[in-house]
Amino acid sequence: MDEIYCIQELADIDKTITAEAIRINEIAKKLRFTDSVEFELNGDTNGIRPTSNKLKGVYFFEIKNSHSLFDAEKWVSSFRIKWEDWEHYWVPGIKDKRVREHKKFDDWIPLYIGKSKNIGSRINEHIHMECTKHTFAMKLKARPNLFGEIFKVSWIPIDVKNYDMIVPSIESALRNIYHPIIGRQ
């Protein structure tokens, strides 16, 4: 009898969580990335410091459409050669299903969305991490074929007690809004 009661309780919790997930998706549609920093990638690129290095939340990398290739398919074809000309692992790949969501690009191309309990540190891992490290990151400075490209990174601070339940849902919802072309999923 106890087990049946527990299963019913879980079903009740599932209904509540489903309703809250809908609310989180609606909130994500209203969120905007703020406090952006632009940088040119080169061997001397310094660290990026968000307002507070210990911010929790989500971050968003974009790449400047420097060559004014507004046709998404043409731009990605050109970029794919640079991005995939690399023999190292533990890096996000180009996600064709997200690329297909774009018919054209504007001045900034959505590159990558991630989450972290320390946004400043995580942004810098994406920029400065060595290609031999097994931590999943873009490892931008280890890609000299991207030197000269202009990047922008922005973030949304989300300091909540239930970070591990809320922020991954926000991150997923934002991916479905912006369709960054690089990622895990």
N, C-alpha and C. Protein backbone atom coordinates (compact mmCIF):
# COMPACT_ATOMS: atom_id res chain seq x y z
N MET A 1 0.81 -1.19 0.00
CA MET A 1 0.00 0.00 0.00
C MET A 1 0.86 1.26 0.00
N ASP A 2 1.96 1.22 0.72
CA ASP A 2 2.87 2.35 0.80
C ASP A 2 3.46 2.71 -0.57
N GLU A 3 3.81 1.69 -1.34
CA GLU A 3 4.41 1.91 -2.65
C GLU A 3 3.42 2.59 -3.60
N ILE A 4 2.18 2.17 -3.58
CA ILE A 4 1.15 2.77 -4.43
C ILE A 4 0.98 4.24 -4.08
N TYR A 5 0.99 4.55 -2.79
CA TYR A 5 0.88 5.93 -2.34
C TYR A 5 2.06 6.77 -2.86
N CYS A 6 3.26 6.22 -2.77
CA CYS A 6 4.46 6.92 -3.24
C CYS A 6 4.39 7.18 -4.75
N ILE A 7 3.92 6.20 -5.50
CA ILE A 7 3.80 6.36 -6.95
C ILE A 7 2.80 7.48 -7.26
N GLN A 8 1.72 7.54 -6.53
CA GLN A 8 0.72 8.59 -6.75
C GLN A 8 1.30 9.96 -6.38
N GLU A 9 2.05 10.01 -5.30
CA GLU A 9 2.70 11.27 -4.91
C GLU A 9 3.64 11.74 -6.01
N LEU A 10 4.40 10.82 -6.60
CA LEU A 10 5.30 11.18 -7.70
C LEU A 10 4.51 11.70 -8.90
N ALA A 11 3.39 11.08 -9.18
CA ALA A 11 2.54 11.54 -10.28
C ALA A 11 2.04 12.97 -10.00
N ASP A 12 1.68 13.26 -8.77
CA ASP A 12 1.24 14.60 -8.39
C ASP A 12 2.38 15.62 -8.55
N ILE A 13 3.56 15.24 -8.10
CA ILE A 13 4.73 16.11 -8.25
C ILE A 13 5.01 16.35 -9.72
N ASP A 14 4.90 15.31 -10.54
CA ASP A 14 5.13 15.44 -11.98
C ASP A 14 4.17 16.46 -12.61
N LYS A 15 2.91 16.45 -12.20
CA LYS A 15 1.95 17.43 -12.71
C LYS A 15 2.37 18.85 -12.34
N THR A 16 2.80 19.02 -11.11
CA THR A 16 3.24 20.33 -10.65
C THR A 16 4.47 20.80 -11.43
N ILE A 17 5.43 19.90 -11.59
CA ILE A 17 6.66 20.25 -12.32
C ILE A 17 6.34 20.58 -13.77
N THR A 18 5.41 19.86 -14.38
CA THR A 18 5.02 20.14 -15.76
C THR A 18 4.46 21.55 -15.88
N ALA A 19 3.62 21.94 -14.95
CA ALA A 19 3.06 23.30 -14.97
C ALA A 19 4.17 24.34 -14.78
N GLU A 20 5.11 24.06 -13.89
CA GLU A 20 6.22 24.99 -13.65
C GLU A 20 7.15 25.07 -14.87
N ALA A 21 7.34 23.96 -15.56
CA ALA A 21 8.17 23.95 -16.77
C ALA A 21 7.57 24.87 -17.83
N ILE A 22 6.27 24.87 -17.94
CA ILE A 22 5.59 25.77 -18.88
C ILE A 22 5.85 27.22 -18.47
N ARG A 23 5.76 27.51 -17.19
CA ARG A 23 6.05 28.87 -16.69
C ARG A 23 7.49 29.27 -16.98
N ILE A 24 8.44 28.35 -16.77
CA ILE A 24 9.85 28.64 -17.03
C ILE A 24 10.06 28.98 -18.51
N ASN A 25 9.43 28.23 -19.41
CA ASN A 25 9.55 28.52 -20.84
C ASN A 25 8.99 29.89 -21.19
N GLU A 26 7.89 30.26 -20.57
CA GLU A 26 7.30 31.58 -20.81
C GLU A 26 8.22 32.69 -20.29
N ILE A 27 8.81 32.47 -19.14
CA ILE A 27 9.76 33.44 -18.58
C ILE A 27 10.99 33.56 -19.48
N ALA A 28 11.49 32.43 -19.97
CA ALA A 28 12.68 32.45 -20.84
C ALA A 28 12.44 33.29 -22.08
N LYS A 29 11.24 33.30 -22.60
CA LYS A 29 10.92 34.11 -23.79
C LYS A 29 11.07 35.60 -23.51
N LYS A 30 10.97 35.99 -22.25
CA LYS A 30 11.05 37.41 -21.88
C LYS A 30 12.45 37.83 -21.45
N LEU A 31 13.33 36.86 -21.18
CA LEU A 31 14.68 37.18 -20.72
C LEU A 31 15.52 37.73 -21.88
N ARG A 32 16.42 38.64 -21.55
CA ARG A 32 17.33 39.21 -22.55
C ARG A 32 18.76 39.15 -22.00
N PHE A 33 19.69 38.81 -22.88
CA PHE A 33 21.10 38.82 -22.51
C PHE A 33 21.55 40.27 -22.39
N THR A 34 22.29 40.56 -21.32
CA THR A 34 22.75 41.93 -21.06
C THR A 34 24.25 41.91 -20.84
N ASP A 35 24.79 43.07 -20.57
CA ASP A 35 26.21 43.20 -20.21
C ASP A 35 27.11 42.41 -21.15
N SER A 36 27.15 42.82 -22.39
CA SER A 36 27.98 42.08 -23.35
C SER A 36 29.39 42.67 -23.45
N VAL A 37 30.31 41.80 -23.85
CA VAL A 37 31.70 42.18 -24.08
C VAL A 37 32.09 41.68 -25.46
N GLU A 38 32.67 42.55 -26.27
CA GLU A 38 33.17 42.15 -27.58
C GLU A 38 34.69 42.00 -27.51
N PHE A 39 35.23 41.05 -28.28
CA PHE A 39 36.67 40.89 -28.32
C PHE A 39 37.07 40.28 -29.67
N GLU A 40 38.27 40.66 -30.08
CA GLU A 40 38.85 40.05 -31.28
C GLU A 40 39.71 38.88 -30.81
N LEU A 41 39.49 37.73 -31.40
CA LEU A 41 40.26 36.55 -31.03
C LEU A 41 41.64 36.63 -31.65
N ASN A 42 42.66 36.54 -30.82
CA ASN A 42 44.05 36.46 -31.29
C ASN A 42 44.88 35.87 -30.15
N GLY A 43 46.14 35.73 -30.36
CA GLY A 43 47.02 35.14 -29.36
C GLY A 43 47.12 35.94 -28.09
N ASP A 44 46.74 37.22 -28.13
CA ASP A 44 46.83 38.09 -26.96
C ASP A 44 45.49 38.34 -26.28
N THR A 45 44.44 37.67 -26.72
CA THR A 45 43.12 37.90 -26.15
C THR A 45 43.16 37.67 -24.64
N ASN A 46 42.69 38.67 -23.90
CA ASN A 46 42.67 38.59 -22.44
C ASN A 46 41.40 37.92 -21.95
N GLY A 47 41.32 37.75 -20.64
CA GLY A 47 40.14 37.18 -20.03
C GLY A 47 38.97 38.16 -20.05
N ILE A 48 37.80 37.63 -20.01
CA ILE A 48 36.57 38.42 -19.95
C ILE A 48 36.09 38.40 -18.50
N ARG A 49 35.75 39.55 -17.98
CA ARG A 49 35.29 39.61 -16.60
C ARG A 49 33.87 40.17 -16.55
N PRO A 50 32.89 39.29 -16.37
CA PRO A 50 31.54 39.80 -16.13
C PRO A 50 31.53 40.64 -14.86
N THR A 51 30.47 41.38 -14.66
CA THR A 51 30.35 42.29 -13.53
C THR A 51 30.87 41.65 -12.24
N SER A 52 30.49 40.43 -12.00
CA SER A 52 31.00 39.68 -10.86
C SER A 52 31.38 38.30 -11.37
N ASN A 53 32.58 37.90 -11.10
CA ASN A 53 33.08 36.62 -11.62
C ASN A 53 32.28 35.43 -11.09
N LYS A 54 31.59 35.59 -10.00
CA LYS A 54 30.88 34.47 -9.37
C LYS A 54 29.40 34.40 -9.75
N LEU A 55 29.00 35.10 -10.79
CA LEU A 55 27.59 35.07 -11.20
C LEU A 55 27.18 33.68 -11.65
N LYS A 56 25.97 33.28 -11.26
CA LYS A 56 25.35 32.06 -11.78
C LYS A 56 24.42 32.48 -12.91
N GLY A 57 24.25 31.60 -13.89
CA GLY A 57 23.28 31.91 -14.93
C GLY A 57 23.64 31.31 -16.27
N VAL A 58 23.22 31.98 -17.33
CA VAL A 58 23.47 31.51 -18.69
C VAL A 58 24.27 32.57 -19.44
N TYR A 59 25.02 32.12 -20.44
CA TYR A 59 25.84 33.02 -21.24
C TYR A 59 25.65 32.68 -22.71
N PHE A 60 25.99 33.64 -23.58
CA PHE A 60 25.69 33.53 -25.00
C PHE A 60 26.86 34.09 -25.81
N PHE A 61 27.49 33.24 -26.60
CA PHE A 61 28.54 33.66 -27.51
C PHE A 61 27.94 33.91 -28.88
N GLU A 62 28.35 35.02 -29.50
CA GLU A 62 27.99 35.31 -30.89
C GLU A 62 29.27 35.62 -31.65
N ILE A 63 29.23 35.46 -32.95
CA ILE A 63 30.36 35.77 -33.80
C ILE A 63 29.91 36.81 -34.83
N LYS A 64 30.75 37.78 -35.07
CA LYS A 64 30.41 38.86 -36.01
C LYS A 64 30.40 38.34 -37.43
N ASN A 65 29.41 38.75 -38.15
CA ASN A 65 29.29 38.40 -39.56
C ASN A 65 30.18 39.37 -40.35
N SER A 66 31.48 39.21 -40.21
CA SER A 66 32.46 40.14 -40.77
C SER A 66 32.45 40.20 -42.29
N HIS A 67 32.06 39.11 -42.92
CA HIS A 67 32.13 39.05 -44.38
C HIS A 67 30.78 39.35 -45.03
N SER A 68 29.83 39.80 -44.21
CA SER A 68 28.50 40.16 -44.69
C SER A 68 27.86 39.07 -45.55
N LEU A 69 28.07 37.82 -45.16
CA LEU A 69 27.39 36.70 -45.82
C LEU A 69 26.08 36.49 -45.07
N PHE A 70 25.02 37.07 -45.57
CA PHE A 70 23.76 37.01 -44.85
C PHE A 70 23.00 35.72 -45.13
N ASP A 71 23.33 35.03 -46.21
CA ASP A 71 22.74 33.73 -46.49
C ASP A 71 23.32 32.73 -45.50
N ALA A 72 22.48 32.19 -44.65
CA ALA A 72 22.95 31.31 -43.57
C ALA A 72 23.70 30.10 -44.10
N GLU A 73 23.19 29.49 -45.13
CA GLU A 73 23.81 28.27 -45.67
C GLU A 73 25.23 28.56 -46.17
N LYS A 74 25.42 29.68 -46.87
CA LYS A 74 26.76 30.04 -47.36
C LYS A 74 27.70 30.35 -46.22
N TRP A 75 27.21 31.10 -45.23
CA TRP A 75 28.07 31.47 -44.10
C TRP A 75 28.52 30.22 -43.36
N VAL A 76 27.59 29.32 -43.06
CA VAL A 76 27.92 28.12 -42.30
C VAL A 76 28.86 27.22 -43.09
N SER A 77 28.69 27.14 -44.40
CA SER A 77 29.61 26.34 -45.21
C SER A 77 31.04 26.84 -45.07
N SER A 78 31.20 28.14 -45.11
CA SER A 78 32.53 28.75 -44.95
C SER A 78 33.06 28.54 -43.54
N PHE A 79 32.21 28.75 -42.54
CA PHE A 79 32.62 28.61 -41.14
C PHE A 79 32.93 27.16 -40.79
N ARG A 80 32.17 26.23 -41.33
CA ARG A 80 32.35 24.81 -41.02
C ARG A 80 33.78 24.36 -41.35
N ILE A 81 34.32 24.86 -42.44
CA ILE A 81 35.70 24.50 -42.82
C ILE A 81 36.67 24.91 -41.71
N LYS A 82 36.50 26.11 -41.18
CA LYS A 82 37.37 26.57 -40.10
C LYS A 82 37.11 25.81 -38.80
N TRP A 83 35.83 25.65 -38.45
CA TRP A 83 35.49 25.04 -37.17
C TRP A 83 35.90 23.57 -37.10
N GLU A 84 35.73 22.86 -38.18
CA GLU A 84 36.00 21.43 -38.16
C GLU A 84 37.43 21.09 -38.57
N ASP A 85 38.23 22.08 -38.94
CA ASP A 85 39.64 21.87 -39.27
C ASP A 85 40.44 21.80 -37.98
N TRP A 86 40.17 20.72 -37.26
CA TRP A 86 40.74 20.63 -35.92
C TRP A 86 40.72 19.18 -35.50
N GLU A 87 41.78 18.69 -34.93
CA GLU A 87 41.89 17.27 -34.62
C GLU A 87 41.59 16.94 -33.16
N HIS A 88 41.11 17.88 -32.40
CA HIS A 88 40.92 17.65 -30.96
C HIS A 88 39.47 17.40 -30.62
N TYR A 89 39.28 16.73 -29.52
CA TYR A 89 37.94 16.37 -29.07
C TYR A 89 37.53 17.23 -27.90
N TRP A 90 36.39 16.94 -27.35
CA TRP A 90 35.83 17.65 -26.22
C TRP A 90 35.50 19.10 -26.59
N VAL A 91 35.00 19.28 -27.80
CA VAL A 91 34.55 20.60 -28.25
C VAL A 91 33.15 20.44 -28.84
N PRO A 92 32.32 21.47 -28.73
CA PRO A 92 30.99 21.38 -29.32
C PRO A 92 31.07 21.39 -30.85
N GLY A 93 30.12 20.74 -31.47
CA GLY A 93 30.09 20.68 -32.92
C GLY A 93 28.99 21.55 -33.50
N ILE A 94 29.01 21.70 -34.80
CA ILE A 94 27.96 22.43 -35.50
C ILE A 94 26.71 21.55 -35.51
N LYS A 95 25.61 22.12 -35.13
CA LYS A 95 24.34 21.39 -35.05
C LYS A 95 23.47 21.75 -36.25
N ASP A 96 23.44 20.86 -37.22
CA ASP A 96 22.73 21.14 -38.47
C ASP A 96 21.25 21.44 -38.26
N LYS A 97 20.62 20.79 -37.28
CA LYS A 97 19.19 21.06 -37.07
C LYS A 97 18.97 22.50 -36.61
N ARG A 98 19.92 23.07 -35.87
CA ARG A 98 19.80 24.47 -35.47
C ARG A 98 20.18 25.41 -36.62
N VAL A 99 21.16 25.00 -37.41
CA VAL A 99 21.55 25.81 -38.57
C VAL A 99 20.34 25.97 -39.50
N ARG A 100 19.58 24.88 -39.68
CA ARG A 100 18.42 24.93 -40.58
C ARG A 100 17.34 25.90 -40.11
N GLU A 101 17.38 26.29 -38.85
CA GLU A 101 16.41 27.26 -38.34
C GLU A 101 16.67 28.68 -38.86
N HIS A 102 17.87 28.88 -39.41
CA HIS A 102 18.26 30.21 -39.91
C HIS A 102 18.23 30.21 -41.44
N LYS A 103 17.52 31.16 -42.00
CA LYS A 103 17.55 31.36 -43.45
C LYS A 103 18.59 32.41 -43.81
N LYS A 104 18.70 33.40 -42.93
CA LYS A 104 19.70 34.46 -43.15
C LYS A 104 20.26 34.87 -41.79
N PHE A 105 21.43 35.50 -41.84
CA PHE A 105 22.06 36.01 -40.64
C PHE A 105 22.13 37.53 -40.72
N ASP A 106 22.13 38.15 -39.56
CA ASP A 106 22.32 39.59 -39.48
C ASP A 106 23.78 39.86 -39.16
N ASP A 107 24.06 40.94 -38.46
CA ASP A 107 25.44 41.31 -38.12
C ASP A 107 26.09 40.35 -37.14
N TRP A 108 25.30 39.75 -36.25
CA TRP A 108 25.83 38.82 -35.25
C TRP A 108 25.16 37.47 -35.43
N ILE A 109 25.96 36.43 -35.37
CA ILE A 109 25.48 35.06 -35.59
C ILE A 109 25.49 34.34 -34.25
N PRO A 110 24.36 33.74 -33.85
CA PRO A 110 24.31 33.03 -32.58
C PRO A 110 25.20 31.79 -32.61
N LEU A 111 26.19 31.75 -31.73
CA LEU A 111 27.19 30.69 -31.79
C LEU A 111 26.95 29.62 -30.73
N TYR A 112 26.85 29.99 -29.47
CA TYR A 112 26.81 29.00 -28.40
C TYR A 112 26.10 29.57 -27.18
N ILE A 113 25.26 28.77 -26.55
CA ILE A 113 24.61 29.13 -25.29
C ILE A 113 24.98 28.07 -24.26
N GLY A 114 25.38 28.53 -23.07
CA GLY A 114 25.72 27.60 -22.00
C GLY A 114 25.26 28.14 -20.66
N LYS A 115 25.48 27.35 -19.63
CA LYS A 115 25.11 27.74 -18.27
C LYS A 115 26.30 27.48 -17.35
N SER A 116 26.33 28.17 -16.24
CA SER A 116 27.41 27.95 -15.28
C SER A 116 27.05 28.56 -13.93
N LYS A 117 27.60 27.96 -12.89
CA LYS A 117 27.48 28.54 -11.56
C LYS A 117 28.56 29.59 -11.34
N ASN A 118 29.44 29.75 -12.31
CA ASN A 118 30.47 30.78 -12.29
C ASN A 118 30.69 31.23 -13.73
N ILE A 119 29.83 32.13 -14.19
CA ILE A 119 29.82 32.54 -15.59
C ILE A 119 31.19 33.04 -16.05
N GLY A 120 31.83 33.90 -15.25
CA GLY A 120 33.12 34.47 -15.64
C GLY A 120 34.16 33.40 -15.90
N SER A 121 34.26 32.46 -15.01
CA SER A 121 35.23 31.38 -15.16
C SER A 121 34.92 30.53 -16.39
N ARG A 122 33.64 30.23 -16.58
CA ARG A 122 33.26 29.36 -17.70
C ARG A 122 33.47 30.05 -19.05
N ILE A 123 33.16 31.32 -19.14
CA ILE A 123 33.41 32.07 -20.38
C ILE A 123 34.90 32.01 -20.72
N ASN A 124 35.73 32.21 -19.71
CA ASN A 124 37.17 32.19 -19.95
C ASN A 124 37.68 30.80 -20.32
N GLU A 125 37.04 29.74 -19.84
CA GLU A 125 37.42 28.40 -20.28
C GLU A 125 37.13 28.24 -21.77
N HIS A 126 36.01 28.75 -22.22
CA HIS A 126 35.69 28.66 -23.65
C HIS A 126 36.71 29.41 -24.51
N ILE A 127 37.26 30.47 -23.97
CA ILE A 127 38.23 31.26 -24.72
C ILE A 127 39.64 30.69 -24.58
N HIS A 128 40.07 30.38 -23.37
CA HIS A 128 41.49 30.12 -23.10
C HIS A 128 41.88 28.65 -22.88
N MET A 129 40.93 27.76 -22.76
CA MET A 129 41.28 26.37 -22.45
C MET A 129 42.15 25.76 -23.55
N GLU A 130 43.16 25.03 -23.11
CA GLU A 130 44.06 24.36 -24.05
C GLU A 130 43.33 23.22 -24.75
N CYS A 131 43.73 22.97 -25.97
CA CYS A 131 43.05 21.94 -26.77
C CYS A 131 43.23 20.54 -26.20
N THR A 132 44.21 20.32 -25.35
CA THR A 132 44.46 18.98 -24.81
C THR A 132 43.60 18.66 -23.59
N LYS A 133 42.93 19.65 -23.04
CA LYS A 133 42.10 19.44 -21.84
C LYS A 133 40.83 18.67 -22.22
N HIS A 134 40.40 17.82 -21.30
CA HIS A 134 39.23 16.98 -21.55
C HIS A 134 37.91 17.63 -21.13
N THR A 135 37.96 18.87 -20.67
CA THR A 135 36.74 19.59 -20.34
C THR A 135 36.10 20.07 -21.63
N PHE A 136 34.80 19.90 -21.74
CA PHE A 136 34.05 20.31 -22.92
C PHE A 136 34.02 21.83 -22.99
N ALA A 137 34.58 22.43 -24.04
CA ALA A 137 34.58 23.87 -24.24
C ALA A 137 34.94 24.18 -25.69
N MET A 138 34.66 25.42 -26.13
CA MET A 138 34.98 25.80 -27.51
C MET A 138 36.49 25.92 -27.75
N LYS A 139 37.26 26.28 -26.72
CA LYS A 139 38.71 26.37 -26.81
C LYS A 139 39.14 27.30 -27.96
N LEU A 140 38.60 28.51 -27.94
CA LEU A 140 38.76 29.43 -29.05
C LEU A 140 40.21 29.81 -29.33
N LYS A 141 40.99 30.14 -28.29
CA LYS A 141 42.38 30.56 -28.52
C LYS A 141 43.25 29.44 -29.05
N ALA A 142 42.82 28.21 -28.91
CA ALA A 142 43.58 27.08 -29.44
C ALA A 142 43.28 26.88 -30.92
N ARG A 143 42.50 27.77 -31.52
CA ARG A 143 42.11 27.69 -32.93
C ARG A 143 42.66 28.89 -33.69
N PRO A 144 43.94 28.88 -34.05
CA PRO A 144 44.51 30.04 -34.74
C PRO A 144 43.82 30.37 -36.07
N ASN A 145 43.14 29.39 -36.66
CA ASN A 145 42.43 29.68 -37.90
C ASN A 145 41.21 30.58 -37.68
N LEU A 146 40.86 30.84 -36.41
CA LEU A 146 39.78 31.78 -36.11
C LEU A 146 40.30 33.14 -35.64
N PHE A 147 41.61 33.29 -35.57
CA PHE A 147 42.18 34.57 -35.15
C PHE A 147 41.72 35.66 -36.12
N GLY A 148 41.38 36.80 -35.55
CA GLY A 148 40.87 37.91 -36.34
C GLY A 148 39.35 38.00 -36.31
N GLU A 149 38.68 36.92 -35.92
CA GLU A 149 37.22 36.94 -35.81
C GLU A 149 36.83 37.75 -34.57
N ILE A 150 35.70 38.43 -34.67
CA ILE A 150 35.18 39.22 -33.56
C ILE A 150 34.05 38.42 -32.88
N PHE A 151 34.15 38.31 -31.58
CA PHE A 151 33.15 37.59 -30.80
C PHE A 151 32.49 38.55 -29.81
N LYS A 152 31.29 38.20 -29.44
CA LYS A 152 30.59 38.94 -28.39
C LYS A 152 30.05 37.89 -27.42
N VAL A 153 30.21 38.14 -26.14
CA VAL A 153 29.64 37.25 -25.13
C VAL A 153 28.80 38.10 -24.18
N SER A 154 27.62 37.60 -23.89
CA SER A 154 26.72 38.30 -22.97
C SER A 154 26.13 37.27 -22.01
N TRP A 155 25.45 37.72 -20.99
CA TRP A 155 24.99 36.78 -19.98
C TRP A 155 23.71 37.28 -19.32
N ILE A 156 23.05 36.34 -18.66
CA ILE A 156 21.86 36.62 -17.85
C ILE A 156 22.14 36.02 -16.47
N PRO A 157 22.31 36.87 -15.45
CA PRO A 157 22.48 36.32 -14.11
C PRO A 157 21.19 35.68 -13.62
N ILE A 158 21.30 34.46 -13.09
CA ILE A 158 20.14 33.76 -12.53
C ILE A 158 20.61 33.10 -11.23
N ASP A 159 20.40 33.80 -10.13
CA ASP A 159 20.85 33.31 -8.83
C ASP A 159 19.65 32.75 -8.07
N VAL A 160 19.42 31.46 -8.26
CA VAL A 160 18.29 30.80 -7.62
C VAL A 160 18.78 29.63 -6.79
N LYS A 161 18.03 29.30 -5.76
CA LYS A 161 18.40 28.21 -4.87
C LYS A 161 18.37 26.86 -5.61
N ASN A 162 17.40 26.65 -6.47
CA ASN A 162 17.25 25.40 -7.20
C ASN A 162 17.86 25.50 -8.61
N TYR A 163 19.08 26.00 -8.64
CA TYR A 163 19.81 26.21 -9.90
C TYR A 163 19.77 24.96 -10.80
N ASP A 164 20.06 23.80 -10.24
CA ASP A 164 20.17 22.58 -11.05
C ASP A 164 18.86 22.13 -11.66
N MET A 165 17.76 22.65 -11.19
CA MET A 165 16.46 22.33 -11.77
C MET A 165 15.99 23.42 -12.72
N ILE A 166 16.26 24.67 -12.38
CA ILE A 166 15.72 25.80 -13.14
C ILE A 166 16.61 26.21 -14.31
N VAL A 167 17.88 26.41 -14.07
CA VAL A 167 18.75 26.99 -15.09
C VAL A 167 18.92 26.08 -16.32
N PRO A 168 19.05 24.76 -16.17
CA PRO A 168 19.10 23.94 -17.39
C PRO A 168 17.84 24.09 -18.26
N SER A 169 16.69 24.29 -17.63
CA SER A 169 15.46 24.51 -18.40
C SER A 169 15.49 25.85 -19.13
N ILE A 170 16.00 26.88 -18.46
CA ILE A 170 16.15 28.19 -19.09
C ILE A 170 17.12 28.09 -20.27
N GLU A 171 18.25 27.43 -20.04
CA GLU A 171 19.26 27.25 -21.09
C GLU A 171 18.64 26.57 -22.32
N SER A 172 17.90 25.51 -22.10
CA SER A 172 17.26 24.78 -23.19
C SER A 172 16.25 25.65 -23.92
N ALA A 173 15.45 26.39 -23.17
CA ALA A 173 14.46 27.27 -23.79
C ALA A 173 15.14 28.35 -24.63
N LEU A 174 16.23 28.92 -24.12
CA LEU A 174 16.95 29.95 -24.88
C LEU A 174 17.58 29.37 -26.15
N ARG A 175 18.04 28.13 -26.09
CA ARG A 175 18.56 27.49 -27.30
C ARG A 175 17.45 27.38 -28.36
N ASN A 176 16.26 27.08 -27.90
CA ASN A 176 15.14 26.97 -28.83
C ASN A 176 14.69 28.32 -29.38
N ILE A 177 15.05 29.40 -28.71
CA ILE A 177 14.72 30.74 -29.18
C ILE A 177 15.79 31.26 -30.15
N TYR A 178 17.07 31.14 -29.75
CA TYR A 178 18.17 31.74 -30.53
C TYR A 178 18.80 30.79 -31.55
N HIS A 179 18.66 29.49 -31.37
CA HIS A 179 19.22 28.49 -32.26
C HIS A 179 20.73 28.69 -32.52
N PRO A 180 21.54 28.67 -31.45
CA PRO A 180 22.99 28.82 -31.66
C PRO A 180 23.50 27.64 -32.50
N ILE A 181 24.42 27.92 -33.39
CA ILE A 181 24.83 26.89 -34.36
C ILE A 181 25.83 25.90 -33.82
N ILE A 182 26.43 26.20 -32.68
CA ILE A 182 27.40 25.30 -32.05
C ILE A 182 26.79 24.78 -30.75
N GLY A 183 27.03 23.51 -30.43
CA GLY A 183 26.54 23.03 -29.16
C GLY A 183 26.69 21.53 -28.99
N ARG A 184 26.28 21.07 -27.84
CA ARG A 184 26.27 19.64 -27.52
C ARG A 184 25.03 18.99 -28.07
N GLN A 185 23.92 19.66 -27.88
CA GLN A 185 22.63 19.05 -28.22
C GLN A 185 22.02 19.73 -29.42
